[in-house]
Amino acid sequence: MWMPPGQNQSWVSEFILRGFSSDPTTNRALFSAFLLLFLSSVLGNGLIITLICLDTHLHTPMYFFLCILSLLDMGCVTTTVPQMLVHLLSRSQTISFAGCWLQMCIFGAVGLTECILFVVMAFDRYVAICYPLRYTVILSWGLCTRLSAGTWACGFFFSLIHTFFTMRLPYCGPNMVNHYFCEGPSVRNLACVDTHVIEMVDSVISVFMVVAPLSLILASYICISQAIFKIKSMQARCKAFSTCASHLTVITFFYAPAIYIYMKPNSRYSPERDKQISLFYNVFSALLNPVVYSLRNKNIKGAFLKVMGKSRVIC
């Protein structure tokens, strides 16, 4: 759809999200698969949030940050997946310009906030393992609140910058976005002008919000590994290494695709590959985080059994 602002120009008033396939049979199969992933992600993260809120034994800095992570994961999938599910079964795959702007901004804010939250969580584990006796003194509730507020503020601030620079570009050509949601690089590829400056802005944001946090995380886990080597018990050492390895797996699962998508130049844009890779930090990461960070945790399992026990007594 085109809206002429003048005699020689036109601008896009809506975008068409191409999605994964135009074949109805394939789309129905994809709908079933993504619906299952979406429900599992929302229920898993929702369960974590509920258990942490209900069980007072989980009211510690570590579980406070886990609760925020689950909230962010729910926000990530609910921003993009429901619309994708509708488009898989609908003939119309359009999204308004304003809707695209909002989706890009919210998804970016949630994703960038999660980038910084992983640093905070790594710092939490560093203090817990390296300074266990001073853990509650160092990570007071006041500091936890400020760290949480700071991650949200940075996430939304840099997302607004990214969205503003991307959506203010003139879109006067094709409006077919080869993606399942309005992600910055995919939308930017349709701009009628050279996007080199916007690519530079995104690269700077990526350095501050992806590369720098990832470096801090790796530094934290190096210090944690040094502390683990000092543990005399082989069983305790293996358990600690197992936990760190699973956490680093989730972090890699989230950061590696994001670095690839947002830090490569527009000349290397590959829509089919990019939208598949984006599933890792959008859908799969939200499903994996509850399993690795929480559902494997004995305290979370204990809280779940306690809640189930109370429910049976009430019934």
C-alpha atoms as a PDB file:
ATOM      1  CA  MET A   1       0.000   0.000   0.000  1.00  0.00           C
ATOM      2  CA  TRP A   2       1.374   3.413  -0.984  1.00  0.00           C
ATOM      3  CA  MET A   3       0.525   6.874   0.256  1.00  0.00           C
ATOM      4  CA  PRO A   4       1.746   9.704  -1.982  1.00  0.00           C
ATOM      5  CA  PRO A   5       3.157  12.658  -0.050  1.00  0.00           C
ATOM      6  CA  GLY A   6       3.820  14.576  -3.224  1.00  0.00           C
ATOM      7  CA  GLN A   7       4.021  14.306  -6.979  1.00  0.00           C
ATOM      8  CA  ASN A   8       7.410  12.613  -7.172  1.00  0.00           C
ATOM      9  CA  GLN A   9       7.608  10.680  -3.863  1.00  0.00           C
ATOM     10  CA  SER A  10       5.727   8.013  -1.975  1.00  0.00           C
ATOM     11  CA  TRP A  11       6.168   6.356   1.377  1.00  0.00           C
ATOM     12  CA  VAL A  12       5.232   2.993   2.817  1.00  0.00           C
ATOM     13  CA  SER A  13       2.244   3.022   5.174  1.00  0.00           C
ATOM     14  CA  GLU A  14       2.485  -0.695   5.964  1.00  0.00           C
ATOM     15  CA  PHE A  15       4.842  -3.631   5.569  1.00  0.00           C
ATOM     16  CA  ILE A  16       4.207  -7.201   4.482  1.00  0.00           C
ATOM     17  CA  LEU A  17       5.973  -9.818   6.596  1.00  0.00           C
ATOM     18  CA  ARG A  18       6.874 -12.673   4.284  1.00  0.00           C
ATOM     19  CA  GLY A  19       7.454 -15.233   7.041  1.00  0.00           C
ATOM     20  CA  PHE A  20       8.923 -18.672   6.364  1.00  0.00           C
ATOM     21  CA  SER A  21       6.797 -20.137   3.586  1.00  0.00           C
ATOM     22  CA  SER A  22       3.907 -19.423   1.230  1.00  0.00           C
ATOM     23  CA  ASP A  23       2.782 -23.064   1.180  1.00  0.00           C
ATOM     24  CA  PRO A  24      -0.399 -23.557   3.289  1.00  0.00           C
ATOM     25  CA  THR A  25       0.540 -27.112   4.318  1.00  0.00           C
ATOM     26  CA  THR A  26       3.992 -26.043   5.480  1.00  0.00           C
ATOM     27  CA  ASN A  27       2.498 -23.077   7.318  1.00  0.00           C
ATOM     28  CA  ARG A  28       0.070 -25.309   9.224  1.00  0.00           C
ATOM     29  CA  ALA A  29       2.935 -27.536  10.323  1.00  0.00           C
ATOM     30  CA  LEU A  30       4.974 -24.479  11.341  1.00  0.00           C
ATOM     31  CA  PHE A  31       1.963 -23.114  13.220  1.00  0.00           C
ATOM     32  CA  SER A  32       1.717 -26.274  15.328  1.00  0.00           C
ATOM     33  CA  ALA A  33       5.461 -26.302  16.050  1.00  0.00           C
ATOM     34  CA  PHE A  34       5.712 -22.612  16.972  1.00  0.00           C
ATOM     35  CA  LEU A  35       2.511 -22.715  19.015  1.00  0.00           C
ATOM     36  CA  LEU A  36       4.001 -25.536  21.092  1.00  0.00           C
ATOM     37  CA  LEU A  37       7.269 -23.624  21.525  1.00  0.00           C
ATOM     38  CA  PHE A  38       5.407 -20.439  22.444  1.00  0.00           C
ATOM     39  CA  LEU A  39       3.171 -22.097  25.033  1.00  0.00           C
ATOM     40  CA  SER A  40       6.105 -23.986  26.535  1.00  0.00           C
ATOM     41  CA  SER A  41       8.137 -20.773  26.819  1.00  0.00           C
ATOM     42  CA  VAL A  42       5.320 -18.751  28.375  1.00  0.00           C
ATOM     43  CA  LEU A  43       4.253 -21.502  30.790  1.00  0.00           C
ATOM     44  CA  GLY A  44       7.833 -22.357  31.777  1.00  0.00           C
ATOM     45  CA  ASN A  45       8.844 -18.753  32.442  1.00  0.00           C
ATOM     46  CA  GLY A  46       5.489 -17.974  34.039  1.00  0.00           C
ATOM     47  CA  LEU A  47       5.957 -20.922  36.399  1.00  0.00           C
ATOM     48  CA  ILE A  48       9.397 -19.654  37.424  1.00  0.00           C
ATOM     49  CA  ILE A  49       8.046 -16.166  38.176  1.00  0.00           C
ATOM     50  CA  THR A  50       5.132 -17.602  40.187  1.00  0.00           C
ATOM     51  CA  LEU A  51       7.316 -19.921  42.268  1.00  0.00           C
ATOM     52  CA  ILE A  52       9.854 -17.210  43.074  1.00  0.00           C
ATOM     53  CA  CYS A  53       7.083 -14.821  44.140  1.00  0.00           C
ATOM     54  CA  LEU A  54       5.296 -17.403  46.301  1.00  0.00           C
ATOM     55  CA  ASP A  55       8.266 -19.022  48.072  1.00  0.00           C
ATOM     56  CA  THR A  56       9.980 -16.704  50.556  1.00  0.00           C
ATOM     57  CA  HIS A  57      13.072 -18.942  50.552  1.00  0.00           C
ATOM     58  CA  LEU A  58      13.659 -17.830  46.962  1.00  0.00           C
ATOM     59  CA  HIS A  59      13.640 -14.136  47.817  1.00  0.00           C
ATOM     60  CA  THR A  60      17.383 -13.766  47.247  1.00  0.00           C
ATOM     61  CA  PRO A  61      19.359 -11.728  44.684  1.00  0.00           C
ATOM     62  CA  MET A  62      19.989 -14.746  42.449  1.00  0.00           C
ATOM     63  CA  TYR A  63      16.308 -15.633  42.124  1.00  0.00           C
ATOM     64  CA  PHE A  64      15.357 -11.978  41.853  1.00  0.00           C
ATOM     65  CA  PHE A  65      17.470 -11.745  38.686  1.00  0.00           C
ATOM     66  CA  LEU A  66      16.130 -15.092  37.450  1.00  0.00           C
ATOM     67  CA  CYS A  67      12.611 -13.711  37.841  1.00  0.00           C
ATOM     68  CA  ILE A  68      13.531 -10.699  35.714  1.00  0.00           C
ATOM     69  CA  LEU A  69      15.124 -12.979  33.097  1.00  0.00           C
ATOM     70  CA  SER A  70      11.914 -15.028  32.868  1.00  0.00           C
ATOM     71  CA  LEU A  71       9.889 -11.828  32.547  1.00  0.00           C
ATOM     72  CA  LEU A  72      12.129 -10.646  29.699  1.00  0.00           C
ATOM     73  CA  ASP A  73      11.885 -14.015  27.942  1.00  0.00           C
ATOM     74  CA  MET A  74       8.096 -13.864  28.131  1.00  0.00           C
ATOM     75  CA  GLY A  75       8.184 -10.332  26.738  1.00  0.00           C
ATOM     76  CA  CYS A  76      10.486 -11.423  23.914  1.00  0.00           C
ATOM     77  CA  VAL A  77       8.278 -14.240  22.611  1.00  0.00           C
ATOM     78  CA  THR A  78       4.967 -12.427  23.144  1.00  0.00           C
ATOM     79  CA  THR A  79       6.225  -9.460  21.101  1.00  0.00           C
ATOM     80  CA  THR A  80       6.855 -11.509  17.974  1.00  0.00           C
ATOM     81  CA  VAL A  81       5.421 -15.043  18.045  1.00  0.00           C
ATOM     82  CA  PRO A  82       1.642 -14.375  18.385  1.00  0.00           C
ATOM     83  CA  GLN A  83       1.658 -12.208  15.268  1.00  0.00           C
ATOM     84  CA  MET A  84       3.713 -14.821  13.425  1.00  0.00           C
ATOM     85  CA  LEU A  85       1.157 -17.488  14.386  1.00  0.00           C
ATOM     86  CA  VAL A  86      -1.676 -15.335  13.030  1.00  0.00           C
ATOM     87  CA  HIS A  87       0.202 -14.736   9.776  1.00  0.00           C
ATOM     88  CA  LEU A  88       0.855 -18.465   9.333  1.00  0.00           C
ATOM     89  CA  LEU A  89      -2.904 -19.117   9.102  1.00  0.00           C
ATOM     90  CA  SER A  90      -4.007 -15.819   7.563  1.00  0.00           C
ATOM     91  CA  ARG A  91      -3.942 -14.607   3.974  1.00  0.00           C
ATOM     92  CA  SER A  92      -3.045 -11.101   5.105  1.00  0.00           C
ATOM     93  CA  GLN A  93       0.502 -10.720   6.432  1.00  0.00           C
ATOM     94  CA  THR A  94       0.592  -6.953   6.765  1.00  0.00           C
ATOM     95  CA  ILE A  95       1.695  -4.820   9.681  1.00  0.00           C
ATOM     96  CA  SER A  96       1.217  -1.063   9.873  1.00  0.00           C
ATOM     97  CA  PHE A  97       4.199   1.278   9.874  1.00  0.00           C
ATOM     98  CA  ALA A  98       3.402   2.285  13.474  1.00  0.00           C
ATOM     99  CA  GLY A  99       2.958  -1.364  14.466  1.00  0.00           C
ATOM    100  CA  CYS A 100       6.326  -2.227  12.940  1.00  0.00           C
ATOM    101  CA  TRP A 101       7.929   0.705  14.776  1.00  0.00           C
ATOM    102  CA  LEU A 102       6.447  -0.462  18.099  1.00  0.00           C
ATOM    103  CA  GLN A 103       7.380  -4.118  17.599  1.00  0.00           C
ATOM    104  CA  MET A 104      10.957  -3.233  16.693  1.00  0.00           C
ATOM    105  CA  CYS A 105      11.302  -0.944  19.695  1.00  0.00           C
ATOM    106  CA  ILE A 106       9.848  -3.362  22.259  1.00  0.00           C
ATOM    107  CA  PHE A 107      11.735  -6.379  20.935  1.00  0.00           C
ATOM    108  CA  GLY A 108      14.975  -4.387  20.898  1.00  0.00           C
ATOM    109  CA  ALA A 109      14.398  -3.070  24.420  1.00  0.00           C
ATOM    110  CA  VAL A 110      13.720  -6.539  25.813  1.00  0.00           C
ATOM    111  CA  GLY A 111      16.677  -8.080  23.971  1.00  0.00           C
ATOM    112  CA  LEU A 112      19.157  -5.357  24.961  1.00  0.00           C
ATOM    113  CA  THR A 113      17.960  -5.460  28.573  1.00  0.00           C
ATOM    114  CA  GLU A 114      18.586  -9.203  28.583  1.00  0.00           C
ATOM    115  CA  CYS A 115      22.102  -8.614  27.235  1.00  0.00           C
ATOM    116  CA  ILE A 116      22.955  -6.492  30.270  1.00  0.00           C
ATOM    117  CA  LEU A 117      21.050  -8.723  32.698  1.00  0.00           C
ATOM    118  CA  PHE A 118      23.342 -11.628  31.791  1.00  0.00           C
ATOM    119  CA  VAL A 119      26.251  -9.477  33.014  1.00  0.00           C
ATOM    120  CA  VAL A 120      24.447  -8.771  36.289  1.00  0.00           C
ATOM    121  CA  MET A 121      23.712 -12.477  36.735  1.00  0.00           C
ATOM    122  CA  ALA A 122      27.356 -13.346  36.053  1.00  0.00           C
ATOM    123  CA  PHE A 123      28.366 -10.772  38.673  1.00  0.00           C
ATOM    124  CA  ASP A 124      25.889 -12.360  41.101  1.00  0.00           C
ATOM    125  CA  ARG A 125      27.505 -15.801  40.597  1.00  0.00           C
ATOM    126  CA  TYR A 126      30.979 -14.270  40.889  1.00  0.00           C
ATOM    127  CA  VAL A 127      30.176 -12.741  44.283  1.00  0.00           C
ATOM    128  CA  ALA A 128      28.391 -15.897  45.484  1.00  0.00           C
ATOM    129  CA  ILE A 129      31.340 -18.177  44.646  1.00  0.00           C
ATOM    130  CA  CYS A 130      34.312 -15.883  45.265  1.00  0.00           C
ATOM    131  CA  TYR A 131      32.939 -13.975  48.294  1.00  0.00           C
ATOM    132  CA  PRO A 132      30.274 -16.271  49.816  1.00  0.00           C
ATOM    133  CA  LEU A 133      30.485 -14.809  53.326  1.00  0.00           C
ATOM    134  CA  ARG A 134      29.917 -11.260  52.049  1.00  0.00           C
ATOM    135  CA  TYR A 135      27.313 -12.183  49.434  1.00  0.00           C
ATOM    136  CA  THR A 136      24.276 -10.589  51.090  1.00  0.00           C
ATOM    137  CA  VAL A 137      26.324  -7.564  52.172  1.00  0.00           C
ATOM    138  CA  ILE A 138      27.674  -6.830  48.694  1.00  0.00           C
ATOM    139  CA  LEU A 139      24.446  -7.631  46.847  1.00  0.00           C
ATOM    140  CA  SER A 140      22.042  -5.715  49.061  1.00  0.00           C
ATOM    141  CA  TRP A 141      18.462  -5.246  47.935  1.00  0.00           C
ATOM    142  CA  GLY A 142      19.200  -1.605  47.244  1.00  0.00           C
ATOM    143  CA  LEU A 143      22.004  -2.538  44.830  1.00  0.00           C
ATOM    144  CA  CYS A 144      19.869  -5.254  43.231  1.00  0.00           C
ATOM    145  CA  THR A 145      17.085  -2.748  42.599  1.00  0.00           C
ATOM    146  CA  ARG A 146      19.474  -0.213  41.091  1.00  0.00           C
ATOM    147  CA  LEU A 147      21.095  -2.855  38.884  1.00  0.00           C
ATOM    148  CA  SER A 148      17.673  -4.004  37.686  1.00  0.00           C
ATOM    149  CA  ALA A 149      16.489  -0.467  36.966  1.00  0.00           C
ATOM    150  CA  GLY A 150      19.751   0.298  35.183  1.00  0.00           C
ATOM    151  CA  THR A 151      19.437  -2.701  32.855  1.00  0.00           C
ATOM    152  CA  TRP A 152      15.878  -1.742  31.863  1.00  0.00           C
ATOM    153  CA  ALA A 153      16.827   1.924  31.351  1.00  0.00           C
ATOM    154  CA  CYS A 154      19.837   1.078  29.147  1.00  0.00           C
ATOM    155  CA  GLY A 155      17.838  -1.462  27.150  1.00  0.00           C
ATOM    156  CA  PHE A 156      15.016   0.939  26.338  1.00  0.00           C
ATOM    157  CA  PHE A 157      17.342   3.879  25.707  1.00  0.00           C
ATOM    158  CA  PHE A 158      19.499   2.115  23.126  1.00  0.00           C
ATOM    159  CA  SER A 159      16.485   0.422  21.557  1.00  0.00           C
ATOM    160  CA  LEU A 160      14.861   3.812  21.014  1.00  0.00           C
ATOM    161  CA  ILE A 161      18.027   5.036  19.300  1.00  0.00           C
ATOM    162  CA  HIS A 162      18.166   1.961  17.062  1.00  0.00           C
ATOM    163  CA  THR A 163      14.457   2.142  16.193  1.00  0.00           C
ATOM    164  CA  PHE A 164      14.486   5.903  15.609  1.00  0.00           C
ATOM    165  CA  PHE A 165      17.400   5.794  13.166  1.00  0.00           C
ATOM    166  CA  THR A 166      16.001   2.740  11.360  1.00  0.00           C
ATOM    167  CA  MET A 167      12.390   3.881  10.972  1.00  0.00           C
ATOM    168  CA  ARG A 168      13.206   7.484  10.015  1.00  0.00           C
ATOM    169  CA  LEU A 169      14.815   6.220   6.805  1.00  0.00           C
ATOM    170  CA  PRO A 170      12.772   6.869   3.640  1.00  0.00           C
ATOM    171  CA  TYR A 171      10.925   3.710   2.596  1.00  0.00           C
ATOM    172  CA  CYS A 172       9.673   4.498  -0.871  1.00  0.00           C
ATOM    173  CA  GLY A 173      10.267   1.179  -2.608  1.00  0.00           C
ATOM    174  CA  PRO A 174       9.052  -2.413  -2.011  1.00  0.00           C
ATOM    175  CA  ASN A 175       7.374  -3.047   1.338  1.00  0.00           C
ATOM    176  CA  MET A 176       7.913  -6.825   1.497  1.00  0.00           C
ATOM    177  CA  VAL A 177      10.014  -7.665   4.599  1.00  0.00           C
ATOM    178  CA  ASN A 178      11.598 -11.085   4.232  1.00  0.00           C
ATOM    179  CA  HIS A 179      11.206 -11.922   7.904  1.00  0.00           C
ATOM    180  CA  TYR A 180       8.580 -13.093  10.391  1.00  0.00           C
ATOM    181  CA  PHE A 181       8.725  -9.864  12.435  1.00  0.00           C
ATOM    182  CA  CYS A 182      10.015  -6.307  12.110  1.00  0.00           C
ATOM    183  CA  GLU A 183      13.686  -6.713  12.934  1.00  0.00           C
ATOM    184  CA  GLY A 184      15.946  -3.743  12.276  1.00  0.00           C
ATOM    185  CA  PRO A 185      18.366  -5.146   9.657  1.00  0.00           C
ATOM    186  CA  SER A 186      15.551  -6.744   7.634  1.00  0.00           C
ATOM    187  CA  VAL A 187      13.457  -3.559   7.540  1.00  0.00           C
ATOM    188  CA  ARG A 188      16.492  -1.340   6.939  1.00  0.00           C
ATOM    189  CA  ASN A 189      17.313  -3.344   3.812  1.00  0.00           C
ATOM    190  CA  LEU A 190      14.207  -1.837   2.138  1.00  0.00           C
ATOM    191  CA  ALA A 191      15.320   1.777   2.583  1.00  0.00           C
ATOM    192  CA  CYS A 192      15.653   3.952  -0.532  1.00  0.00           C
ATOM    193  CA  VAL A 193      18.943   5.509   0.567  1.00  0.00           C
ATOM    194  CA  ASP A 194      22.411   4.371   1.547  1.00  0.00           C
ATOM    195  CA  THR A 195      22.262   2.887   5.058  1.00  0.00           C
ATOM    196  CA  HIS A 196      25.978   3.007   5.845  1.00  0.00           C
ATOM    197  CA  VAL A 197      25.530   5.560   8.646  1.00  0.00           C
ATOM    198  CA  ILE A 198      22.745   3.537  10.277  1.00  0.00           C
ATOM    199  CA  GLU A 199      24.905   0.423  10.060  1.00  0.00           C
ATOM    200  CA  MET A 200      27.645   2.317  11.904  1.00  0.00           C
ATOM    201  CA  VAL A 201      25.167   3.382  14.604  1.00  0.00           C
ATOM    202  CA  ASP A 202      24.034  -0.220  15.050  1.00  0.00           C
ATOM    203  CA  SER A 203      27.649  -1.379  15.228  1.00  0.00           C
ATOM    204  CA  VAL A 204      28.412   1.155  17.978  1.00  0.00           C
ATOM    205  CA  ILE A 205      25.313   0.064  19.911  1.00  0.00           C
ATOM    206  CA  SER A 206      26.333  -3.577  19.472  1.00  0.00           C
ATOM    207  CA  VAL A 207      29.804  -2.876  20.866  1.00  0.00           C
ATOM    208  CA  PHE A 208      28.338  -1.253  23.986  1.00  0.00           C
ATOM    209  CA  MET A 209      25.414  -3.632  24.464  1.00  0.00           C
ATOM    210  CA  VAL A 210      26.721  -6.960  23.147  1.00  0.00           C
ATOM    211  CA  VAL A 211      30.513  -7.136  22.874  1.00  0.00           C
ATOM    212  CA  ALA A 212      31.299  -5.254  26.108  1.00  0.00           C
ATOM    213  CA  PRO A 213      28.764  -7.232  28.222  1.00  0.00           C
ATOM    214  CA  LEU A 214      30.006 -10.511  26.738  1.00  0.00           C
ATOM    215  CA  SER A 215      33.590  -9.573  27.638  1.00  0.00           C
ATOM    216  CA  LEU A 216      32.542  -8.824  31.235  1.00  0.00           C
ATOM    217  CA  ILE A 217      30.696 -12.140  31.434  1.00  0.00           C
ATOM    218  CA  LEU A 218      33.731 -14.078  30.234  1.00  0.00           C
ATOM    219  CA  ALA A 219      35.949 -12.215  32.710  1.00  0.00           C
ATOM    220  CA  SER A 220      33.533 -13.086  35.548  1.00  0.00           C
ATOM    221  CA  TYR A 221      33.497 -16.761  34.653  1.00  0.00           C
ATOM    222  CA  ILE A 222      37.285 -16.863  34.391  1.00  0.00           C
ATOM    223  CA  CYS A 223      37.450 -15.590  37.972  1.00  0.00           C
ATOM    224  CA  ILE A 224      34.758 -18.098  38.960  1.00  0.00           C
ATOM    225  CA  SER A 225      36.757 -20.919  37.353  1.00  0.00           C
ATOM    226  CA  GLN A 226      39.860 -19.919  39.300  1.00  0.00           C
ATOM    227  CA  ALA A 227      37.826 -20.034  42.515  1.00  0.00           C
ATOM    228  CA  ILE A 228      36.375 -23.440  41.593  1.00  0.00           C
ATOM    229  CA  PHE A 229      39.861 -24.918  41.100  1.00  0.00           C
ATOM    230  CA  LYS A 230      40.564 -24.099  44.740  1.00  0.00           C
ATOM    231  CA  ILE A 231      37.661 -26.279  45.921  1.00  0.00           C
ATOM    232  CA  LYS A 232      39.064 -29.474  47.444  1.00  0.00           C
ATOM    233  CA  SER A 233      35.987 -31.654  46.940  1.00  0.00           C
ATOM    234  CA  MET A 234      36.012 -33.171  43.453  1.00  0.00           C
ATOM    235  CA  GLN A 235      32.227 -33.667  43.541  1.00  0.00           C
ATOM    236  CA  ALA A 236      31.589 -30.018  44.458  1.00  0.00           C
ATOM    237  CA  ARG A 237      34.079 -28.902  41.818  1.00  0.00           C
ATOM    238  CA  CYS A 238      32.387 -30.949  39.081  1.00  0.00           C
ATOM    239  CA  LYS A 239      28.963 -29.650  40.130  1.00  0.00           C
ATOM    240  CA  ALA A 240      30.179 -26.039  39.973  1.00  0.00           C
ATOM    241  CA  PHE A 241      31.779 -26.580  36.566  1.00  0.00           C
ATOM    242  CA  SER A 242      28.597 -28.211  35.279  1.00  0.00           C
ATOM    243  CA  THR A 243      26.547 -25.211  36.377  1.00  0.00           C
ATOM    244  CA  CYS A 244      28.979 -22.729  34.785  1.00  0.00           C
ATOM    245  CA  ALA A 245      29.094 -24.729  31.554  1.00  0.00           C
ATOM    246  CA  SER A 246      25.295 -24.762  31.246  1.00  0.00           C
ATOM    247  CA  HIS A 247      25.110 -21.031  31.934  1.00  0.00           C
ATOM    248  CA  LEU A 248      27.786 -20.305  29.317  1.00  0.00           C
ATOM    249  CA  THR A 249      25.884 -22.481  26.831  1.00  0.00           C
ATOM    250  CA  VAL A 250      22.773 -20.316  27.245  1.00  0.00           C
ATOM    251  CA  ILE A 251      24.831 -17.133  26.962  1.00  0.00           C
ATOM    252  CA  THR A 252      26.502 -18.370  23.765  1.00  0.00           C
ATOM    253  CA  PHE A 253      23.112 -19.444  22.404  1.00  0.00           C
ATOM    254  CA  PHE A 254      21.882 -15.873  22.893  1.00  0.00           C
ATOM    255  CA  TYR A 255      24.921 -13.727  22.061  1.00  0.00           C
ATOM    256  CA  ALA A 256      26.457 -15.502  19.047  1.00  0.00           C
ATOM    257  CA  PRO A 257      23.395 -15.151  16.746  1.00  0.00           C
ATOM    258  CA  ALA A 258      22.801 -11.567  17.935  1.00  0.00           C
ATOM    259  CA  ILE A 259      26.385 -10.584  17.098  1.00  0.00           C
ATOM    260  CA  TYR A 260      26.056 -12.171  13.668  1.00  0.00           C
ATOM    261  CA  ILE A 261      22.762 -10.414  12.851  1.00  0.00           C
ATOM    262  CA  TYR A 262      23.504  -6.930  14.176  1.00  0.00           C
ATOM    263  CA  MET A 263      27.228  -6.504  13.545  1.00  0.00           C
ATOM    264  CA  LYS A 264      27.576  -7.715   9.963  1.00  0.00           C
ATOM    265  CA  PRO A 265      27.405  -5.172   7.104  1.00  0.00           C
ATOM    266  CA  ASN A 266      24.299  -4.824   4.956  1.00  0.00           C
ATOM    267  CA  SER A 267      26.234  -6.221   1.985  1.00  0.00           C
ATOM    268  CA  ARG A 268      26.237  -9.633   3.693  1.00  0.00           C
ATOM    269  CA  TYR A 269      22.508  -9.567   4.323  1.00  0.00           C
ATOM    270  CA  SER A 270      20.940 -13.003   3.712  1.00  0.00           C
ATOM    271  CA  PRO A 271      17.211 -12.914   4.563  1.00  0.00           C
ATOM    272  CA  GLU A 272      16.527 -16.645   4.593  1.00  0.00           C
ATOM    273  CA  ARG A 273      19.506 -17.426   6.802  1.00  0.00           C
ATOM    274  CA  ASP A 274      19.020 -14.384   9.046  1.00  0.00           C
ATOM    275  CA  LYS A 275      15.416 -15.116   9.980  1.00  0.00           C
ATOM    276  CA  GLN A 276      16.347 -18.690  10.851  1.00  0.00           C
ATOM    277  CA  ILE A 277      19.281 -17.566  12.992  1.00  0.00           C
ATOM    278  CA  SER A 278      17.081 -15.004  14.784  1.00  0.00           C
ATOM    279  CA  LEU A 279      14.975 -17.881  16.129  1.00  0.00           C
ATOM    280  CA  PHE A 280      17.846 -18.799  18.442  1.00  0.00           C
ATOM    281  CA  TYR A 281      17.794 -15.570  20.485  1.00  0.00           C
ATOM    282  CA  ASN A 282      14.055 -14.995  20.038  1.00  0.00           C
ATOM    283  CA  VAL A 283      12.251 -18.313  20.507  1.00  0.00           C
ATOM    284  CA  PHE A 284      14.721 -21.049  21.476  1.00  0.00           C
ATOM    285  CA  SER A 285      16.572 -18.978  24.074  1.00  0.00           C
ATOM    286  CA  ALA A 286      13.320 -18.168  25.880  1.00  0.00           C
ATOM    287  CA  LEU A 287      12.552 -21.890  26.013  1.00  0.00           C
ATOM    288  CA  LEU A 288      16.045 -22.927  27.097  1.00  0.00           C
ATOM    289  CA  ASN A 289      16.610 -20.376  29.859  1.00  0.00           C
ATOM    290  CA  PRO A 290      14.031 -21.767  32.328  1.00  0.00           C
ATOM    291  CA  VAL A 291      15.420 -25.291  31.867  1.00  0.00           C
ATOM    292  CA  VAL A 292      19.066 -24.360  32.389  1.00  0.00           C
ATOM    293  CA  TYR A 293      18.761 -21.628  35.002  1.00  0.00           C
ATOM    294  CA  SER A 294      15.780 -22.754  37.036  1.00  0.00           C
ATOM    295  CA  LEU A 295      14.063 -26.060  36.323  1.00  0.00           C
ATOM    296  CA  ARG A 296      17.342 -27.917  36.982  1.00  0.00           C
ATOM    297  CA  ASN A 297      17.607 -26.080  40.296  1.00  0.00           C
ATOM    298  CA  LYS A 298      16.792 -28.063  43.470  1.00  0.00           C
ATOM    299  CA  ASN A 299      15.338 -25.008  45.220  1.00  0.00           C
ATOM    300  CA  ILE A 300      12.965 -24.342  42.312  1.00  0.00           C
ATOM    301  CA  LYS A 301      11.908 -27.991  42.292  1.00  0.00           C
ATOM    302  CA  GLY A 302      11.354 -27.848  46.051  1.00  0.00           C
ATOM    303  CA  ALA A 303       9.221 -24.722  45.724  1.00  0.00           C
ATOM    304  CA  PHE A 304       7.171 -26.410  42.987  1.00  0.00           C
ATOM    305  CA  LEU A 305       6.554 -29.508  45.125  1.00  0.00           C
ATOM    306  CA  LYS A 306       5.656 -27.293  48.082  1.00  0.00           C
ATOM    307  CA  VAL A 307       3.092 -25.366  46.030  1.00  0.00           C
ATOM    308  CA  MET A 308       1.654 -28.583  44.612  1.00  0.00           C
ATOM    309  CA  GLY A 309       1.412 -29.996  48.111  1.00  0.00           C
ATOM    310  CA  LYS A 310      -0.518 -26.977  49.355  1.00  0.00           C
ATOM    311  CA  SER A 311      -2.836 -27.199  46.344  1.00  0.00           C
ATOM    312  CA  ARG A 312      -3.658 -30.829  47.189  1.00  0.00           C
ATOM    313  CA  VAL A 313      -4.365 -29.933  50.823  1.00  0.00           C
ATOM    314  CA  ILE A 314      -6.736 -27.143  49.747  1.00  0.00           C
ATOM    315  CA  CYS A 315      -8.516 -29.477  47.323  1.00  0.00           C
END
